[in-house]
N, C-alpha and C. Protein backbone atom coordinates (compact mmCIF):
# COMPACT_ATOMS: atom_id res chain seq x y z
N UNK A 1 26.86 -15.47 18.74
CA UNK A 1 27.27 -14.12 19.11
C UNK A 1 27.84 -13.38 17.89
N UNK A 2 28.65 -14.08 17.09
CA UNK A 2 29.23 -13.45 15.93
C UNK A 2 28.13 -13.12 14.92
N UNK A 3 27.11 -13.96 14.83
CA UNK A 3 25.99 -13.70 13.92
C UNK A 3 25.22 -12.45 14.36
N UNK A 4 25.06 -12.27 15.66
CA UNK A 4 24.35 -11.11 16.18
C UNK A 4 25.10 -9.82 15.84
N UNK A 5 26.42 -9.82 15.98
CA UNK A 5 27.23 -8.65 15.65
C UNK A 5 27.15 -8.36 14.16
N UNK A 6 27.19 -9.41 13.34
CA UNK A 6 27.10 -9.25 11.90
C UNK A 6 25.74 -8.67 11.50
N UNK A 7 24.67 -9.11 12.17
CA UNK A 7 23.34 -8.57 11.88
C UNK A 7 23.26 -7.09 12.25
N UNK A 8 23.84 -6.72 13.38
CA UNK A 8 23.80 -5.32 13.80
C UNK A 8 24.59 -4.44 12.83
N UNK A 9 25.73 -4.92 12.38
CA UNK A 9 26.52 -4.16 11.41
C UNK A 9 25.76 -4.00 10.11
N UNK A 10 25.06 -5.04 9.69
CA UNK A 10 24.25 -4.98 8.47
C UNK A 10 23.13 -3.95 8.61
N UNK A 11 22.47 -3.92 9.75
CA UNK A 11 21.40 -2.96 9.98
C UNK A 11 21.95 -1.53 9.99
N UNK A 12 23.07 -1.33 10.66
CA UNK A 12 23.69 0.00 10.71
C UNK A 12 24.11 0.44 9.31
N UNK A 13 24.66 -0.49 8.53
CA UNK A 13 25.04 -0.19 7.15
C UNK A 13 23.82 0.23 6.34
N UNK A 14 22.71 -0.47 6.49
CA UNK A 14 21.49 -0.11 5.77
C UNK A 14 20.97 1.25 6.19
N UNK A 15 21.01 1.55 7.47
CA UNK A 15 20.54 2.85 7.94
C UNK A 15 21.41 3.99 7.40
N UNK A 16 22.70 3.78 7.36
CA UNK A 16 23.60 4.80 6.80
C UNK A 16 23.29 5.02 5.32
N UNK A 17 23.05 3.95 4.59
CA UNK A 17 22.71 4.06 3.17
C UNK A 17 21.40 4.82 2.99
N UNK A 18 20.41 4.56 3.82
CA UNK A 18 19.13 5.28 3.73
C UNK A 18 19.34 6.77 4.01
N UNK A 19 20.14 7.10 5.01
CA UNK A 19 20.40 8.51 5.34
C UNK A 19 21.10 9.21 4.18
N UNK A 20 22.08 8.55 3.57
CA UNK A 20 22.81 9.15 2.46
C UNK A 20 21.88 9.37 1.26
N UNK A 21 21.08 8.38 0.92
CA UNK A 21 20.16 8.52 -0.21
C UNK A 21 19.10 9.58 0.05
N UNK A 22 18.62 9.68 1.30
CA UNK A 22 17.67 10.73 1.65
C UNK A 22 18.31 12.10 1.49
N UNK A 23 19.56 12.22 1.87
CA UNK A 23 20.28 13.48 1.69
C UNK A 23 20.39 13.86 0.23
N UNK A 24 20.66 12.88 -0.64
CA UNK A 24 20.72 13.16 -2.08
C UNK A 24 19.38 13.66 -2.59
N UNK A 25 18.30 13.01 -2.20
CA UNK A 25 16.97 13.41 -2.67
C UNK A 25 16.63 14.82 -2.18
N UNK A 26 16.92 15.10 -0.92
CA UNK A 26 16.65 16.44 -0.38
C UNK A 26 17.46 17.49 -1.12
N UNK A 27 18.71 17.19 -1.45
CA UNK A 27 19.55 18.13 -2.19
C UNK A 27 18.96 18.41 -3.57
N UNK A 28 18.53 17.39 -4.26
CA UNK A 28 17.96 17.56 -5.60
C UNK A 28 16.68 18.37 -5.54
N UNK A 29 15.80 18.05 -4.60
CA UNK A 29 14.53 18.78 -4.48
C UNK A 29 14.79 20.24 -4.11
N UNK A 30 15.75 20.48 -3.23
CA UNK A 30 16.08 21.85 -2.84
C UNK A 30 16.56 22.66 -4.04
N UNK A 31 17.37 22.07 -4.89
CA UNK A 31 17.85 22.78 -6.09
C UNK A 31 16.70 23.11 -7.03
N UNK A 32 15.80 22.18 -7.22
CA UNK A 32 14.66 22.41 -8.11
C UNK A 32 13.78 23.54 -7.58
N UNK A 33 13.47 23.48 -6.29
CA UNK A 33 12.62 24.52 -5.70
C UNK A 33 13.32 25.88 -5.74
N UNK A 34 14.61 25.91 -5.48
CA UNK A 34 15.37 27.16 -5.51
C UNK A 34 15.34 27.77 -6.92
N UNK A 35 15.50 26.93 -7.94
CA UNK A 35 15.43 27.42 -9.32
C UNK A 35 14.05 27.97 -9.65
N UNK A 36 12.99 27.29 -9.23
CA UNK A 36 11.63 27.77 -9.49
C UNK A 36 11.37 29.10 -8.79
N UNK A 37 11.81 29.20 -7.54
CA UNK A 37 11.61 30.45 -6.80
C UNK A 37 12.37 31.59 -7.46
N UNK A 38 13.59 31.33 -7.92
CA UNK A 38 14.36 32.41 -8.57
C UNK A 38 13.70 32.82 -9.88
N UNK A 39 13.10 31.90 -10.63
CA UNK A 39 12.38 32.27 -11.86
C UNK A 39 11.17 33.15 -11.54
N UNK A 40 10.45 32.80 -10.48
CA UNK A 40 9.27 33.58 -10.10
C UNK A 40 9.69 34.98 -9.66
N UNK A 41 10.76 35.08 -8.90
CA UNK A 41 11.24 36.39 -8.45
C UNK A 41 11.69 37.23 -9.64
N UNK A 42 12.38 36.62 -10.61
CA UNK A 42 12.81 37.35 -11.80
C UNK A 42 11.61 37.85 -12.61
N UNK A 43 10.56 37.03 -12.70
CA UNK A 43 9.37 37.46 -13.44
C UNK A 43 8.64 38.59 -12.73
N UNK A 44 8.61 38.54 -11.39
CA UNK A 44 7.92 39.59 -10.65
C UNK A 44 8.67 40.92 -10.78
N UNK A 45 9.99 40.87 -10.84
CA UNK A 45 10.74 42.13 -11.00
C UNK A 45 10.59 42.70 -12.41
N UNK A 46 10.33 41.83 -13.40
CA UNK A 46 10.15 42.29 -14.78
C UNK A 46 8.68 42.54 -15.11
N UNK A 47 7.78 42.41 -14.13
CA UNK A 47 6.34 42.64 -14.29
C UNK A 47 5.71 41.72 -15.33
N UNK A 48 6.16 40.50 -15.42
CA UNK A 48 5.54 39.52 -16.31
C UNK A 48 4.60 38.65 -15.48
N UNK A 49 3.74 37.93 -16.16
CA UNK A 49 2.77 37.08 -15.48
C UNK A 49 3.46 35.85 -14.91
N UNK A 50 3.24 35.62 -13.65
CA UNK A 50 3.85 34.46 -12.99
C UNK A 50 3.12 33.18 -13.35
N UNK A 51 1.85 33.31 -13.76
CA UNK A 51 1.04 32.13 -14.07
C UNK A 51 1.54 31.37 -15.28
N UNK A 52 2.36 31.97 -16.10
CA UNK A 52 2.82 31.33 -17.32
C UNK A 52 4.04 30.45 -17.11
N UNK A 53 4.62 30.48 -15.93
CA UNK A 53 5.87 29.77 -15.69
C UNK A 53 5.72 28.86 -14.47
N UNK A 54 6.52 27.83 -14.44
CA UNK A 54 6.71 26.96 -13.28
C UNK A 54 5.46 26.15 -12.97
N UNK A 55 5.34 25.78 -11.74
CA UNK A 55 4.26 24.91 -11.29
C UNK A 55 2.92 25.62 -11.28
N UNK A 56 2.91 26.93 -11.27
CA UNK A 56 1.64 27.65 -11.22
C UNK A 56 0.87 27.53 -12.53
N UNK A 57 1.53 27.18 -13.60
CA UNK A 57 0.85 27.07 -14.88
C UNK A 57 -0.03 25.83 -14.96
N UNK A 58 0.19 24.85 -14.11
CA UNK A 58 -0.61 23.63 -14.16
C UNK A 58 -1.52 23.47 -12.93
N UNK A 59 -1.68 24.52 -12.14
CA UNK A 59 -2.44 24.39 -10.91
C UNK A 59 -3.90 24.04 -11.16
N UNK A 60 -4.46 24.50 -12.28
CA UNK A 60 -5.86 24.19 -12.58
C UNK A 60 -6.04 22.72 -12.92
N UNK A 61 -5.05 22.11 -13.53
CA UNK A 61 -5.15 20.70 -13.88
C UNK A 61 -4.87 19.79 -12.69
N UNK A 62 -4.02 20.20 -11.80
CA UNK A 62 -3.62 19.35 -10.68
C UNK A 62 -4.74 19.16 -9.68
N UNK A 63 -5.52 20.21 -9.43
CA UNK A 63 -6.52 20.14 -8.38
C UNK A 63 -7.89 19.71 -8.87
N UNK A 64 -7.99 19.20 -10.07
CA UNK A 64 -9.26 18.65 -10.55
C UNK A 64 -9.40 17.23 -10.03
N UNK A 65 -10.62 16.79 -9.72
CA UNK A 65 -10.80 15.41 -9.28
C UNK A 65 -10.50 14.44 -10.43
N UNK A 66 -9.96 13.28 -10.13
CA UNK A 66 -9.61 12.33 -11.20
C UNK A 66 -10.85 11.75 -11.86
N UNK A 67 -10.67 11.21 -13.05
CA UNK A 67 -11.79 10.61 -13.77
C UNK A 67 -12.20 9.28 -13.17
N UNK A 68 -11.23 8.52 -12.67
CA UNK A 68 -11.50 7.22 -12.06
C UNK A 68 -11.41 7.32 -10.54
N UNK A 69 -12.36 8.03 -9.93
CA UNK A 69 -12.35 8.23 -8.48
C UNK A 69 -12.44 6.91 -7.74
N UNK A 70 -13.29 6.03 -8.27
CA UNK A 70 -13.52 4.74 -7.60
C UNK A 70 -12.25 3.91 -7.55
N UNK A 71 -11.55 3.81 -8.65
CA UNK A 71 -10.34 3.00 -8.71
C UNK A 71 -9.22 3.61 -7.87
N UNK A 72 -9.08 4.93 -7.92
CA UNK A 72 -8.07 5.60 -7.11
C UNK A 72 -8.32 5.40 -5.63
N UNK A 73 -9.56 5.58 -5.20
CA UNK A 73 -9.85 5.44 -3.77
C UNK A 73 -9.72 3.99 -3.31
N UNK A 74 -10.11 3.04 -4.16
CA UNK A 74 -9.95 1.63 -3.80
C UNK A 74 -8.47 1.24 -3.71
N UNK A 75 -7.66 1.73 -4.64
CA UNK A 75 -6.22 1.44 -4.60
C UNK A 75 -5.57 2.08 -3.38
N UNK A 76 -6.00 3.29 -3.03
CA UNK A 76 -5.46 3.95 -1.84
C UNK A 76 -5.86 3.20 -0.58
N UNK A 77 -7.12 2.78 -0.50
CA UNK A 77 -7.57 2.01 0.66
C UNK A 77 -6.83 0.69 0.79
N UNK A 78 -6.62 0.02 -0.33
CA UNK A 78 -5.87 -1.24 -0.31
C UNK A 78 -4.42 -1.02 0.09
N UNK A 79 -3.83 0.06 -0.37
CA UNK A 79 -2.45 0.38 0.01
C UNK A 79 -2.32 0.65 1.49
N UNK A 80 -3.26 1.42 2.04
CA UNK A 80 -3.22 1.69 3.49
C UNK A 80 -3.42 0.40 4.27
N UNK A 81 -4.30 -0.46 3.77
CA UNK A 81 -4.51 -1.75 4.43
C UNK A 81 -3.24 -2.59 4.42
N UNK A 82 -2.56 -2.67 3.28
CA UNK A 82 -1.35 -3.48 3.19
C UNK A 82 -0.22 -2.91 4.04
N UNK A 83 -0.11 -1.58 4.09
CA UNK A 83 0.92 -0.96 4.95
C UNK A 83 0.64 -1.27 6.41
N UNK A 84 -0.63 -1.15 6.82
CA UNK A 84 -0.96 -1.46 8.21
C UNK A 84 -0.77 -2.94 8.51
N UNK A 85 -1.06 -3.81 7.55
CA UNK A 85 -0.84 -5.24 7.73
C UNK A 85 0.64 -5.55 7.93
N UNK A 86 1.49 -4.96 7.11
CA UNK A 86 2.93 -5.18 7.22
C UNK A 86 3.45 -4.65 8.54
N UNK A 87 2.96 -3.49 8.95
CA UNK A 87 3.38 -2.91 10.23
C UNK A 87 2.98 -3.79 11.41
N UNK A 88 1.75 -4.30 11.40
CA UNK A 88 1.29 -5.17 12.48
C UNK A 88 2.07 -6.48 12.49
N UNK A 89 2.29 -7.07 11.31
CA UNK A 89 3.08 -8.31 11.25
C UNK A 89 4.50 -8.09 11.75
N UNK A 90 5.07 -6.94 11.41
CA UNK A 90 6.42 -6.62 11.88
C UNK A 90 6.46 -6.47 13.39
N UNK A 91 5.49 -5.77 13.95
CA UNK A 91 5.45 -5.59 15.40
C UNK A 91 5.23 -6.90 16.14
N UNK A 92 4.38 -7.75 15.60
CA UNK A 92 4.18 -9.07 16.22
C UNK A 92 5.45 -9.91 16.09
N UNK A 93 6.12 -9.79 14.94
CA UNK A 93 7.37 -10.52 14.75
C UNK A 93 8.46 -10.07 15.71
N UNK A 94 8.50 -8.77 16.01
CA UNK A 94 9.49 -8.25 16.96
C UNK A 94 9.23 -8.77 18.38
N UNK A 95 7.98 -9.10 18.66
CA UNK A 95 7.68 -9.62 20.00
C UNK A 95 8.07 -11.08 20.16
N UNK A 96 8.38 -11.77 19.07
CA UNK A 96 8.86 -13.14 19.14
C UNK A 96 7.77 -14.18 19.12
N UNK A 97 6.59 -13.86 18.68
CA UNK A 97 5.48 -14.80 18.68
C UNK A 97 5.61 -15.85 17.58
N UNK A 98 6.21 -15.51 16.46
CA UNK A 98 6.23 -16.39 15.30
C UNK A 98 7.17 -17.59 15.43
N UNK A 99 8.07 -17.60 16.36
CA UNK A 99 9.11 -18.61 16.38
C UNK A 99 8.66 -19.94 16.96
N UNK A 100 7.43 -20.05 17.37
CA UNK A 100 7.00 -21.26 18.06
C UNK A 100 6.40 -22.30 17.13
N UNK A 101 5.78 -21.92 16.05
CA UNK A 101 5.10 -22.89 15.20
C UNK A 101 5.45 -22.67 13.74
N UNK A 102 5.40 -23.76 12.99
CA UNK A 102 5.65 -23.72 11.55
C UNK A 102 4.47 -23.08 10.83
N UNK A 103 4.73 -22.12 9.96
CA UNK A 103 3.68 -21.48 9.18
C UNK A 103 2.88 -20.44 9.94
N UNK A 104 3.36 -20.02 11.09
CA UNK A 104 2.58 -19.06 11.88
C UNK A 104 2.56 -17.68 11.26
N UNK A 105 3.58 -17.32 10.49
CA UNK A 105 3.59 -16.02 9.82
C UNK A 105 2.52 -15.98 8.74
N UNK A 106 2.40 -17.06 7.98
CA UNK A 106 1.38 -17.11 6.93
C UNK A 106 -0.03 -17.08 7.52
N UNK A 107 -0.22 -17.84 8.58
CA UNK A 107 -1.53 -17.86 9.22
C UNK A 107 -1.89 -16.49 9.78
N UNK A 108 -0.94 -15.86 10.44
CA UNK A 108 -1.17 -14.52 10.98
C UNK A 108 -1.41 -13.53 9.86
N UNK A 109 -0.71 -13.67 8.76
CA UNK A 109 -0.90 -12.77 7.62
C UNK A 109 -2.30 -12.88 7.03
N UNK A 110 -2.80 -14.09 6.89
CA UNK A 110 -4.15 -14.29 6.33
C UNK A 110 -5.21 -13.72 7.27
N UNK A 111 -5.10 -14.02 8.54
CA UNK A 111 -6.11 -13.55 9.51
C UNK A 111 -6.02 -12.03 9.66
N UNK A 112 -4.81 -11.49 9.75
CA UNK A 112 -4.67 -10.05 9.89
C UNK A 112 -5.09 -9.31 8.63
N UNK A 113 -4.87 -9.91 7.45
CA UNK A 113 -5.35 -9.27 6.23
C UNK A 113 -6.86 -9.14 6.28
N UNK A 114 -7.53 -10.20 6.70
CA UNK A 114 -8.98 -10.14 6.79
C UNK A 114 -9.44 -9.12 7.82
N UNK A 115 -8.70 -9.02 8.92
CA UNK A 115 -9.10 -8.09 9.98
C UNK A 115 -8.80 -6.63 9.65
N UNK A 116 -7.78 -6.38 8.84
CA UNK A 116 -7.46 -5.00 8.49
C UNK A 116 -8.27 -4.49 7.30
N UNK A 117 -9.22 -5.28 6.84
CA UNK A 117 -10.09 -4.83 5.76
C UNK A 117 -10.94 -3.64 6.19
N UNK A 118 -11.17 -3.52 7.48
CA UNK A 118 -11.93 -2.37 7.99
C UNK A 118 -11.19 -1.07 7.67
N UNK A 119 -9.87 -1.10 7.70
CA UNK A 119 -9.06 0.08 7.37
C UNK A 119 -9.21 0.42 5.89
N UNK A 120 -9.23 -0.61 5.06
CA UNK A 120 -9.40 -0.41 3.62
C UNK A 120 -10.76 0.22 3.32
N UNK A 121 -11.81 -0.32 3.93
CA UNK A 121 -13.15 0.21 3.68
C UNK A 121 -13.29 1.65 4.11
N UNK A 122 -12.76 1.97 5.28
CA UNK A 122 -12.87 3.34 5.79
C UNK A 122 -12.09 4.33 4.92
N UNK A 123 -10.84 3.99 4.63
CA UNK A 123 -9.99 4.89 3.85
C UNK A 123 -10.54 5.08 2.44
N UNK A 124 -10.96 4.00 1.83
CA UNK A 124 -11.46 4.06 0.46
C UNK A 124 -12.73 4.91 0.36
N UNK A 125 -13.69 4.65 1.24
CA UNK A 125 -14.94 5.39 1.15
C UNK A 125 -14.76 6.85 1.55
N UNK A 126 -13.92 7.10 2.51
CA UNK A 126 -13.69 8.50 2.92
C UNK A 126 -13.07 9.30 1.78
N UNK A 127 -12.07 8.72 1.10
CA UNK A 127 -11.45 9.42 -0.03
C UNK A 127 -12.44 9.57 -1.18
N UNK A 128 -13.22 8.53 -1.43
CA UNK A 128 -14.18 8.54 -2.54
C UNK A 128 -15.23 9.62 -2.33
N UNK A 129 -15.78 9.72 -1.13
CA UNK A 129 -16.80 10.74 -0.88
C UNK A 129 -16.21 12.15 -0.82
N UNK A 130 -14.95 12.26 -0.40
CA UNK A 130 -14.34 13.59 -0.37
C UNK A 130 -14.08 14.12 -1.78
N UNK A 131 -13.98 13.22 -2.75
CA UNK A 131 -13.81 13.64 -4.15
C UNK A 131 -15.15 13.81 -4.86
N UNK A 132 -16.24 13.64 -4.11
CA UNK A 132 -17.57 13.85 -4.69
C UNK A 132 -18.18 12.62 -5.30
N UNK A 133 -17.70 11.43 -4.93
CA UNK A 133 -18.25 10.19 -5.47
C UNK A 133 -19.63 9.89 -4.92
N UNK A 134 -20.50 9.33 -5.76
CA UNK A 134 -21.88 9.05 -5.37
C UNK A 134 -22.18 7.55 -5.29
N UNK A 135 -21.42 6.72 -5.98
CA UNK A 135 -21.71 5.28 -6.03
C UNK A 135 -20.96 4.56 -4.91
N UNK A 136 -21.55 4.58 -3.74
CA UNK A 136 -20.90 4.04 -2.55
C UNK A 136 -20.80 2.51 -2.62
N UNK A 137 -21.84 1.86 -3.12
CA UNK A 137 -21.83 0.39 -3.21
C UNK A 137 -20.76 -0.10 -4.18
N UNK A 138 -20.61 0.61 -5.29
CA UNK A 138 -19.59 0.24 -6.26
C UNK A 138 -18.19 0.40 -5.66
N UNK A 139 -17.99 1.46 -4.87
CA UNK A 139 -16.71 1.66 -4.21
C UNK A 139 -16.46 0.57 -3.17
N UNK A 140 -17.50 0.16 -2.46
CA UNK A 140 -17.38 -0.93 -1.48
C UNK A 140 -16.91 -2.21 -2.15
N UNK A 141 -17.51 -2.56 -3.27
CA UNK A 141 -17.15 -3.79 -3.97
C UNK A 141 -15.75 -3.70 -4.57
N UNK A 142 -15.43 -2.55 -5.15
CA UNK A 142 -14.11 -2.37 -5.75
C UNK A 142 -13.01 -2.45 -4.70
N UNK A 143 -13.20 -1.79 -3.57
CA UNK A 143 -12.17 -1.82 -2.52
C UNK A 143 -12.05 -3.21 -1.90
N UNK A 144 -13.15 -3.95 -1.88
CA UNK A 144 -13.12 -5.30 -1.31
C UNK A 144 -12.41 -6.29 -2.23
N UNK A 145 -12.55 -6.12 -3.55
CA UNK A 145 -12.05 -7.13 -4.49
C UNK A 145 -10.79 -6.74 -5.26
N UNK A 146 -10.32 -5.51 -5.12
CA UNK A 146 -9.20 -5.04 -5.96
C UNK A 146 -7.95 -5.88 -5.76
N UNK A 147 -7.45 -5.99 -4.56
CA UNK A 147 -6.24 -6.76 -4.30
C UNK A 147 -6.49 -8.27 -4.31
N UNK A 148 -7.56 -8.77 -3.67
CA UNK A 148 -7.75 -10.23 -3.66
C UNK A 148 -7.90 -10.86 -5.03
N UNK A 149 -8.58 -10.19 -5.97
CA UNK A 149 -8.71 -10.79 -7.30
C UNK A 149 -7.37 -10.92 -8.01
N UNK A 150 -6.55 -9.88 -7.93
CA UNK A 150 -5.22 -9.94 -8.53
C UNK A 150 -4.37 -11.01 -7.86
N UNK A 151 -4.36 -11.01 -6.53
CA UNK A 151 -3.54 -11.94 -5.78
C UNK A 151 -3.98 -13.38 -6.00
N UNK A 152 -5.27 -13.64 -5.96
CA UNK A 152 -5.78 -15.00 -6.12
C UNK A 152 -5.52 -15.52 -7.52
N UNK A 153 -5.61 -14.66 -8.53
CA UNK A 153 -5.32 -15.09 -9.89
C UNK A 153 -3.87 -15.56 -10.03
N UNK A 154 -2.94 -14.76 -9.53
CA UNK A 154 -1.53 -15.14 -9.60
C UNK A 154 -1.26 -16.37 -8.74
N UNK A 155 -1.81 -16.38 -7.54
CA UNK A 155 -1.55 -17.48 -6.61
C UNK A 155 -2.14 -18.80 -7.11
N UNK A 156 -3.36 -18.79 -7.66
CA UNK A 156 -3.95 -20.03 -8.17
C UNK A 156 -3.17 -20.57 -9.36
N UNK A 157 -2.67 -19.68 -10.20
CA UNK A 157 -1.85 -20.13 -11.33
C UNK A 157 -0.59 -20.83 -10.82
N UNK A 158 0.09 -20.21 -9.88
CA UNK A 158 1.30 -20.83 -9.33
C UNK A 158 0.99 -22.11 -8.57
N UNK A 159 -0.13 -22.13 -7.85
CA UNK A 159 -0.52 -23.33 -7.10
C UNK A 159 -0.85 -24.47 -8.05
N UNK A 160 -1.48 -24.17 -9.19
CA UNK A 160 -1.78 -25.22 -10.16
C UNK A 160 -0.51 -25.79 -10.78
N UNK A 161 0.47 -24.92 -11.06
CA UNK A 161 1.75 -25.43 -11.55
C UNK A 161 2.42 -26.33 -10.51
N UNK A 162 2.36 -25.92 -9.25
CA UNK A 162 2.96 -26.73 -8.19
C UNK A 162 2.22 -28.05 -8.04
N UNK A 163 0.91 -28.04 -8.20
CA UNK A 163 0.12 -29.26 -8.08
C UNK A 163 0.42 -30.24 -9.21
N UNK A 164 0.55 -29.70 -10.42
CA UNK A 164 0.87 -30.54 -11.59
C UNK A 164 2.26 -31.16 -11.44
N UNK A 165 3.18 -30.42 -10.83
CA UNK A 165 4.55 -30.91 -10.65
C UNK A 165 4.67 -31.79 -9.41
N UNK A 166 3.56 -32.06 -8.72
CA UNK A 166 3.53 -32.89 -7.50
C UNK A 166 4.44 -32.32 -6.41
N UNK A 167 4.42 -31.02 -6.29
CA UNK A 167 5.23 -30.34 -5.28
C UNK A 167 4.50 -30.34 -3.93
N UNK A 168 5.28 -30.37 -2.88
CA UNK A 168 4.67 -30.30 -1.54
C UNK A 168 4.25 -28.88 -1.19
N UNK A 169 4.65 -27.90 -1.99
CA UNK A 169 4.27 -26.51 -1.74
C UNK A 169 2.85 -26.20 -2.18
N UNK A 170 2.24 -27.09 -2.96
CA UNK A 170 0.87 -26.87 -3.43
C UNK A 170 -0.11 -27.07 -2.28
N UNK A 171 -1.03 -26.13 -2.14
CA UNK A 171 -2.04 -26.24 -1.10
C UNK A 171 -3.18 -27.13 -1.56
N UNK A 172 -3.69 -27.98 -0.70
CA UNK A 172 -4.84 -28.81 -1.07
C UNK A 172 -6.12 -27.99 -1.17
N UNK A 173 -7.13 -28.53 -1.82
CA UNK A 173 -8.37 -27.81 -2.06
C UNK A 173 -9.08 -27.47 -0.75
N UNK A 174 -8.96 -28.31 0.25
CA UNK A 174 -9.60 -28.04 1.54
C UNK A 174 -9.04 -26.79 2.20
N UNK A 175 -7.74 -26.61 2.12
CA UNK A 175 -7.11 -25.41 2.69
C UNK A 175 -7.52 -24.17 1.91
N UNK A 176 -7.63 -24.28 0.60
CA UNK A 176 -8.05 -23.16 -0.23
C UNK A 176 -9.47 -22.73 0.12
N UNK A 177 -10.37 -23.70 0.29
CA UNK A 177 -11.75 -23.39 0.66
C UNK A 177 -11.81 -22.76 2.05
N UNK A 178 -10.99 -23.26 2.98
CA UNK A 178 -10.94 -22.70 4.33
C UNK A 178 -10.46 -21.25 4.31
N UNK A 179 -9.44 -20.97 3.54
CA UNK A 179 -8.94 -19.59 3.42
C UNK A 179 -10.01 -18.69 2.81
N UNK A 180 -10.74 -19.21 1.81
CA UNK A 180 -11.81 -18.41 1.21
C UNK A 180 -12.89 -18.09 2.23
N UNK A 181 -13.26 -19.05 3.06
CA UNK A 181 -14.29 -18.80 4.06
C UNK A 181 -13.81 -17.81 5.12
N UNK A 182 -12.54 -17.88 5.48
CA UNK A 182 -12.00 -16.88 6.42
C UNK A 182 -12.11 -15.49 5.81
N UNK A 183 -11.72 -15.37 4.55
CA UNK A 183 -11.80 -14.07 3.88
C UNK A 183 -13.24 -13.61 3.76
N UNK A 184 -14.14 -14.49 3.35
CA UNK A 184 -15.53 -14.10 3.12
C UNK A 184 -16.25 -13.75 4.42
N UNK A 185 -16.01 -14.50 5.47
CA UNK A 185 -16.74 -14.28 6.72
C UNK A 185 -16.18 -13.14 7.55
N UNK A 186 -14.93 -12.77 7.34
CA UNK A 186 -14.33 -11.69 8.12
C UNK A 186 -14.20 -10.42 7.29
N UNK A 187 -13.69 -10.53 6.08
CA UNK A 187 -13.38 -9.33 5.27
C UNK A 187 -14.62 -8.58 4.82
N UNK A 188 -15.62 -9.29 4.35
CA UNK A 188 -16.81 -8.61 3.81
C UNK A 188 -17.52 -7.79 4.88
N UNK A 189 -17.82 -8.38 6.06
CA UNK A 189 -18.47 -7.53 7.09
C UNK A 189 -17.58 -6.39 7.59
N UNK A 190 -16.27 -6.63 7.76
CA UNK A 190 -15.41 -5.58 8.26
C UNK A 190 -15.22 -4.46 7.25
N UNK A 191 -15.19 -4.80 5.95
CA UNK A 191 -15.09 -3.76 4.94
C UNK A 191 -16.36 -2.92 4.95
N UNK A 192 -17.50 -3.57 5.11
CA UNK A 192 -18.76 -2.83 5.20
C UNK A 192 -18.82 -1.98 6.44
N UNK A 193 -18.32 -2.48 7.55
CA UNK A 193 -18.29 -1.72 8.80
C UNK A 193 -17.37 -0.50 8.67
N UNK A 194 -16.22 -0.68 8.02
CA UNK A 194 -15.32 0.43 7.81
C UNK A 194 -15.89 1.48 6.88
N UNK A 195 -16.63 1.01 5.87
CA UNK A 195 -17.24 1.94 4.92
C UNK A 195 -18.43 2.63 5.56
């Protein structure tokens, strides 16, 4: 019971901190916008060109499509996928499903990552085509491999160190192959379906 009260106080403390920091950010942004608006009003009263000052001077550069459309859209698709994965894992965790078996969070994370690849494919290709991209197959491959290649490289390095040190945290080769097949058999078709 005392632990429950302590957890609630900790959550309330975190929420208060978030509200205070959000207030600081809003105050800073309001001051910046107010200063920009006052500069524009001063220029309009003096009949000077408004395009030479403030954010309007860079409007032509801001609204140009990026040079690396494929990489930007793949990173955005992967980000949306990871956010949705975290949200789903959190909601399942709130329902109390994870407390019954050892390693159920990891298993759910791997399966849900593969299943949310459809979100990555859809978001990535939609953003890519809206920016005028023509190489759809290249975007499909980039969005499919962007996060897994980085993650697998880091994870295999750490797993090899754990294996050399005879740690029980090292995954055996059979489990690694099984995880690869889950990713290949679920992620590739779902990414294509989303795209």
